[in-house]
Amino acid sequence: MTIHKEGTYFLLSVFFLLSIIILASYFLFKPSGHWMVIISLAAVLIFVFFLRFFRKPDRPFTLLKNQVVSAADGTVVVVEETTEDEYFHDRRIQVSVFMSVWNVHINWFPVSGNIVYYRYHPGDYIVAKYPKSSLKNERNTIVIRQDDGTEILVRQIAGFVARKISCYCREGDEVTQGEELGFIKFGSRVDVFLPLNAKIKVVPGNKVKGKISILAELENKNI
């Protein structure tokens, strides 16, 4: 396990800030040894929390044809048929995974294909597990077209404390299932919109892991 590139400058900034706080506490307020231990321990715990948040797990991966892998770690909060109005303008099956601050916050491509649509939408920062966050929060929408023409929409959604969504693809890119799609800092959510004939493999409340858990199985149009 390593530290993700998204955390490099953030962790350096946190380390610098915590060091300043410890030094300022020592020289300005002259706390007793007991209080210095408490302050130092609190600083270490805060740094370890952020260090853990930006962890990048080593997950070997084998391409899974006709299967949709989870794009994120977290808890499945939505599995329902709904109308997708931004790109498809028709009925789709939505599977949403909510990421708490304790989850890995890397996002992965759930299928392989060509990026045929990418849009960034500024917005609010309501709690990401609520349904309205899919339409009101800051978000990225990515559509992947597979070789057989099947299109999968992935939406990265900022959460209540999330303030930065990173996406590593643009229209025209060829992407591979299991490669990094992006990163969302702090609590957030990823929606995946699937064809109505997809065989869903999860239910709300399931814990899933990106690149590992199977969200759905797709019909092979080439058969």
Protein backbone atom coordinates (compact mmCIF):
# COMPACT_ATOMS: atom_id res chain seq x y z
CA MET A 1 0.00 0.00 0.00
CA THR A 2 1.23 3.47 -0.94
CA ILE A 3 0.01 7.07 -0.71
CA HIS A 4 -2.04 8.36 -3.63
CA LYS A 5 -0.65 11.28 -5.65
CA GLU A 6 -3.73 13.37 -4.75
CA GLY A 7 -2.55 13.40 -1.13
CA THR A 8 1.08 14.49 -1.59
CA TYR A 9 0.72 18.26 -1.25
CA PHE A 10 -2.20 18.00 1.15
CA LEU A 11 -0.23 15.78 3.55
CA LEU A 12 2.81 18.07 3.36
CA SER A 13 0.56 21.04 4.19
CA VAL A 14 -1.04 19.21 7.11
CA PHE A 15 2.37 18.14 8.44
CA PHE A 16 3.65 21.73 8.22
CA LEU A 17 0.55 23.15 9.92
CA LEU A 18 0.60 20.61 12.74
CA SER A 19 4.31 21.24 13.29
CA ILE A 20 3.64 24.98 13.58
CA ILE A 21 0.85 24.33 16.10
CA ILE A 22 3.10 22.15 18.26
CA LEU A 23 5.98 24.63 18.17
CA ALA A 24 3.69 27.60 18.84
CA SER A 25 2.11 25.79 21.77
CA TYR A 26 5.51 25.08 23.26
CA PHE A 27 7.09 28.53 22.84
CA LEU A 28 4.07 30.80 23.30
CA PHE A 29 1.94 29.06 25.92
CA LYS A 30 4.61 27.06 27.79
CA PRO A 31 2.27 24.14 28.58
CA SER A 32 3.24 21.51 31.11
CA GLY A 33 4.81 18.28 29.94
CA HIS A 34 1.47 16.54 30.35
CA TRP A 35 -0.29 18.96 27.99
CA MET A 36 2.54 18.83 25.45
CA VAL A 37 2.12 15.06 25.28
CA ILE A 38 -1.62 15.47 24.66
CA ILE A 39 -1.10 18.13 21.98
CA SER A 40 1.59 16.08 20.24
CA LEU A 41 -0.50 12.90 20.37
CA ALA A 42 -3.52 14.72 18.92
CA ALA A 43 -1.36 16.05 16.08
CA VAL A 44 -0.04 12.56 15.31
CA LEU A 45 -3.56 11.09 15.27
CA ILE A 46 -4.80 13.82 12.91
CA PHE A 47 -1.88 13.20 10.55
CA VAL A 48 -2.40 9.42 10.65
CA PHE A 49 -6.09 9.93 9.79
CA PHE A 50 -5.23 11.91 6.66
CA LEU A 51 -2.42 9.49 5.82
CA ARG A 52 -4.93 6.64 5.93
CA PHE A 53 -7.48 8.60 3.89
CA PHE A 54 -5.06 8.98 0.96
CA ARG A 55 -3.97 5.34 0.99
CA LYS A 56 -3.67 3.55 -2.35
CA PRO A 57 -4.26 -0.19 -1.92
CA ASP A 58 -2.48 -2.71 -4.11
CA ARG A 59 -5.27 -4.67 -5.81
CA PRO A 60 -4.31 -7.10 -8.57
CA PHE A 61 -6.98 -7.08 -11.27
CA THR A 62 -8.12 -9.30 -14.15
CA LEU A 63 -10.45 -7.92 -16.83
CA LEU A 64 -14.01 -9.17 -16.36
CA LYS A 65 -15.83 -9.23 -19.70
CA ASN A 66 -19.56 -8.38 -19.57
CA GLN A 67 -19.33 -7.55 -15.88
CA VAL A 68 -19.45 -4.15 -14.22
CA VAL A 69 -17.07 -3.80 -11.29
CA SER A 70 -17.62 -1.27 -8.52
CA ALA A 71 -16.14 2.13 -9.30
CA ALA A 72 -15.60 2.86 -5.60
CA ASP A 73 -15.25 1.45 -2.11
CA GLY A 74 -18.19 2.02 0.20
CA THR A 75 -21.80 1.13 0.88
CA VAL A 76 -24.49 0.60 -1.76
CA VAL A 77 -27.20 3.16 -0.97
CA VAL A 78 -29.34 3.04 -4.14
CA VAL A 79 -30.40 0.26 -6.51
CA GLU A 80 -33.40 1.40 -8.52
CA GLU A 81 -34.86 2.02 -11.93
CA THR A 82 -34.89 5.73 -12.67
CA THR A 83 -34.92 8.27 -15.50
CA GLU A 84 -31.45 9.57 -16.40
CA ASP A 85 -32.02 13.06 -17.83
CA GLU A 86 -28.54 14.38 -18.57
CA TYR A 87 -27.35 12.02 -21.30
CA PHE A 88 -29.63 9.02 -21.93
CA HIS A 89 -33.02 10.69 -21.39
CA ASP A 90 -34.59 7.31 -20.75
CA ARG A 91 -35.00 4.67 -18.04
CA ARG A 92 -31.86 3.12 -16.52
CA ILE A 93 -30.89 1.15 -13.44
CA GLN A 94 -29.00 3.35 -10.99
CA VAL A 95 -26.52 1.80 -8.56
CA SER A 96 -24.99 4.28 -6.09
CA VAL A 97 -22.07 3.72 -3.73
CA PHE A 98 -21.54 6.10 -0.81
CA MET A 99 -17.96 6.60 0.41
CA SER A 100 -17.48 7.64 4.03
CA VAL A 101 -14.26 9.28 5.22
CA TRP A 102 -13.04 5.80 6.24
CA ASN A 103 -13.18 4.38 2.72
CA VAL A 104 -10.54 4.47 0.00
CA HIS A 105 -11.52 7.44 -2.20
CA ILE A 106 -9.96 6.38 -5.49
CA ASN A 107 -12.46 5.79 -8.32
CA TRP A 108 -11.96 3.13 -11.00
CA PHE A 109 -13.45 2.51 -14.44
CA PRO A 110 -16.19 -0.12 -14.07
CA VAL A 111 -15.90 -1.24 -17.72
CA SER A 112 -13.58 -0.79 -20.68
CA GLY A 113 -14.41 1.37 -23.68
CA ASN A 114 -14.29 4.83 -25.21
CA ILE A 115 -15.22 8.03 -23.36
CA VAL A 116 -17.99 9.54 -25.49
CA TYR A 117 -19.22 12.15 -23.01
CA TYR A 118 -17.66 14.13 -20.17
CA ARG A 119 -19.15 17.07 -18.29
CA TYR A 120 -18.23 18.89 -15.09
CA HIS A 121 -21.11 20.47 -13.15
CA PRO A 122 -20.54 22.95 -10.29
CA GLY A 123 -23.06 22.65 -7.49
CA ASP A 124 -23.87 22.35 -3.81
CA TYR A 125 -22.37 20.13 -1.11
CA ILE A 126 -25.27 18.38 0.59
CA VAL A 127 -24.69 14.97 2.18
CA ALA A 128 -23.76 12.64 -0.70
CA LYS A 129 -25.87 9.65 0.41
CA TYR A 130 -29.09 11.65 -0.08
CA PRO A 131 -30.79 11.12 -3.49
CA LYS A 132 -30.90 14.86 -4.35
CA SER A 133 -27.09 15.02 -4.28
CA SER A 134 -27.01 13.27 -7.67
CA LEU A 135 -28.55 16.35 -9.29
CA LYS A 136 -27.61 19.24 -6.98
CA ASN A 137 -24.03 18.61 -5.86
CA GLU A 138 -20.78 19.34 -7.66
CA ARG A 139 -20.25 16.39 -9.98
CA ASN A 140 -18.57 14.87 -13.03
CA THR A 141 -20.51 12.81 -15.56
CA ILE A 142 -18.62 10.28 -17.70
CA VAL A 143 -20.13 7.96 -20.32
CA ILE A 144 -18.18 4.89 -21.46
CA ARG A 145 -19.17 3.17 -24.72
CA GLN A 146 -18.09 -0.46 -24.95
CA ASP A 147 -17.08 -2.24 -28.16
CA ASP A 148 -20.59 -3.69 -28.59
CA GLY A 149 -22.17 -0.24 -28.26
CA THR A 150 -23.39 -0.60 -24.68
CA GLU A 151 -23.02 2.68 -22.78
CA ILE A 152 -22.44 3.01 -19.05
CA LEU A 153 -22.71 6.35 -17.26
CA VAL A 154 -20.56 7.03 -14.20
CA ARG A 155 -21.16 10.11 -12.04
CA GLN A 156 -18.68 11.32 -9.40
CA ILE A 157 -20.50 13.36 -6.77
CA ALA A 158 -19.00 15.63 -4.12
CA GLY A 159 -20.29 15.26 -0.58
CA PHE A 160 -20.90 17.47 2.43
CA VAL A 161 -17.19 17.94 3.18
CA ALA A 162 -15.78 17.08 -0.25
CA ARG A 163 -14.37 20.08 -2.08
CA LYS A 164 -12.36 18.56 -4.90
CA ILE A 165 -13.24 16.02 -7.58
CA SER A 166 -10.43 14.80 -9.82
CA CYS A 167 -11.17 12.99 -13.08
CA TYR A 168 -8.38 11.52 -15.20
CA CYS A 169 -10.22 11.18 -18.52
CA ARG A 170 -11.76 13.32 -21.26
CA GLU A 171 -13.90 12.68 -24.34
CA GLY A 172 -12.17 10.49 -26.89
CA ASP A 173 -10.00 8.59 -24.39
CA GLU A 174 -9.80 4.81 -24.51
CA VAL A 175 -10.05 3.42 -20.99
CA THR A 176 -9.60 0.00 -19.45
CA GLN A 177 -11.71 -1.58 -16.73
CA GLY A 178 -9.94 -1.32 -13.37
CA GLU A 179 -7.78 1.70 -14.29
CA GLU A 180 -8.05 4.82 -12.14
CA LEU A 181 -10.90 7.10 -13.15
CA GLY A 182 -10.26 9.75 -10.53
CA PHE A 183 -10.34 10.70 -6.88
CA ILE A 184 -12.84 12.51 -4.61
CA LYS A 185 -11.56 14.07 -1.40
CA PHE A 186 -13.55 13.17 1.71
CA GLY A 187 -17.18 11.97 1.97
CA SER A 188 -18.68 11.46 -1.48
CA ARG A 189 -20.58 9.15 -3.81
CA VAL A 190 -20.40 7.44 -7.22
CA ASP A 191 -23.50 6.65 -9.30
CA VAL A 192 -23.45 4.09 -12.12
CA PHE A 193 -26.33 4.00 -14.64
CA LEU A 194 -26.84 0.65 -16.37
CA PRO A 195 -29.13 -0.75 -19.11
CA LEU A 196 -32.47 -2.11 -17.90
CA ASN A 197 -31.50 -5.65 -18.94
CA ALA A 198 -28.42 -5.66 -16.67
CA LYS A 199 -28.44 -8.38 -14.01
CA ILE A 200 -27.82 -6.53 -10.75
CA LYS A 201 -25.62 -8.36 -8.22
CA VAL A 202 -25.92 -6.00 -5.21
CA VAL A 203 -28.63 -4.62 -2.93
CA PRO A 204 -28.72 -1.51 -0.73
CA GLY A 205 -26.61 -1.99 2.38
CA ASN A 206 -23.96 -4.15 0.69
CA LYS A 207 -20.33 -3.18 1.33
CA VAL A 208 -18.35 -3.10 -1.91
CA LYS A 209 -14.75 -2.67 -2.99
CA GLY A 210 -13.61 -0.91 -6.14
CA LYS A 211 -12.13 -3.22 -8.83
CA ILE A 212 -13.24 -6.26 -6.82
CA SER A 213 -16.99 -6.27 -6.18
CA ILE A 214 -19.32 -7.00 -9.12
CA LEU A 215 -22.22 -4.56 -9.43
CA ALA A 216 -23.89 -6.12 -12.45
CA GLU A 217 -23.62 -8.48 -15.40
CA LEU A 218 -24.33 -7.09 -18.89
CA GLU A 219 -26.02 -8.78 -21.81
CA ASN A 220 -23.50 -9.58 -24.56
CA LYS A 221 -24.86 -8.00 -27.75
CA ASN A 222 -22.35 -9.92 -29.89
CA ILE A 223 -23.89 -13.30 -29.10
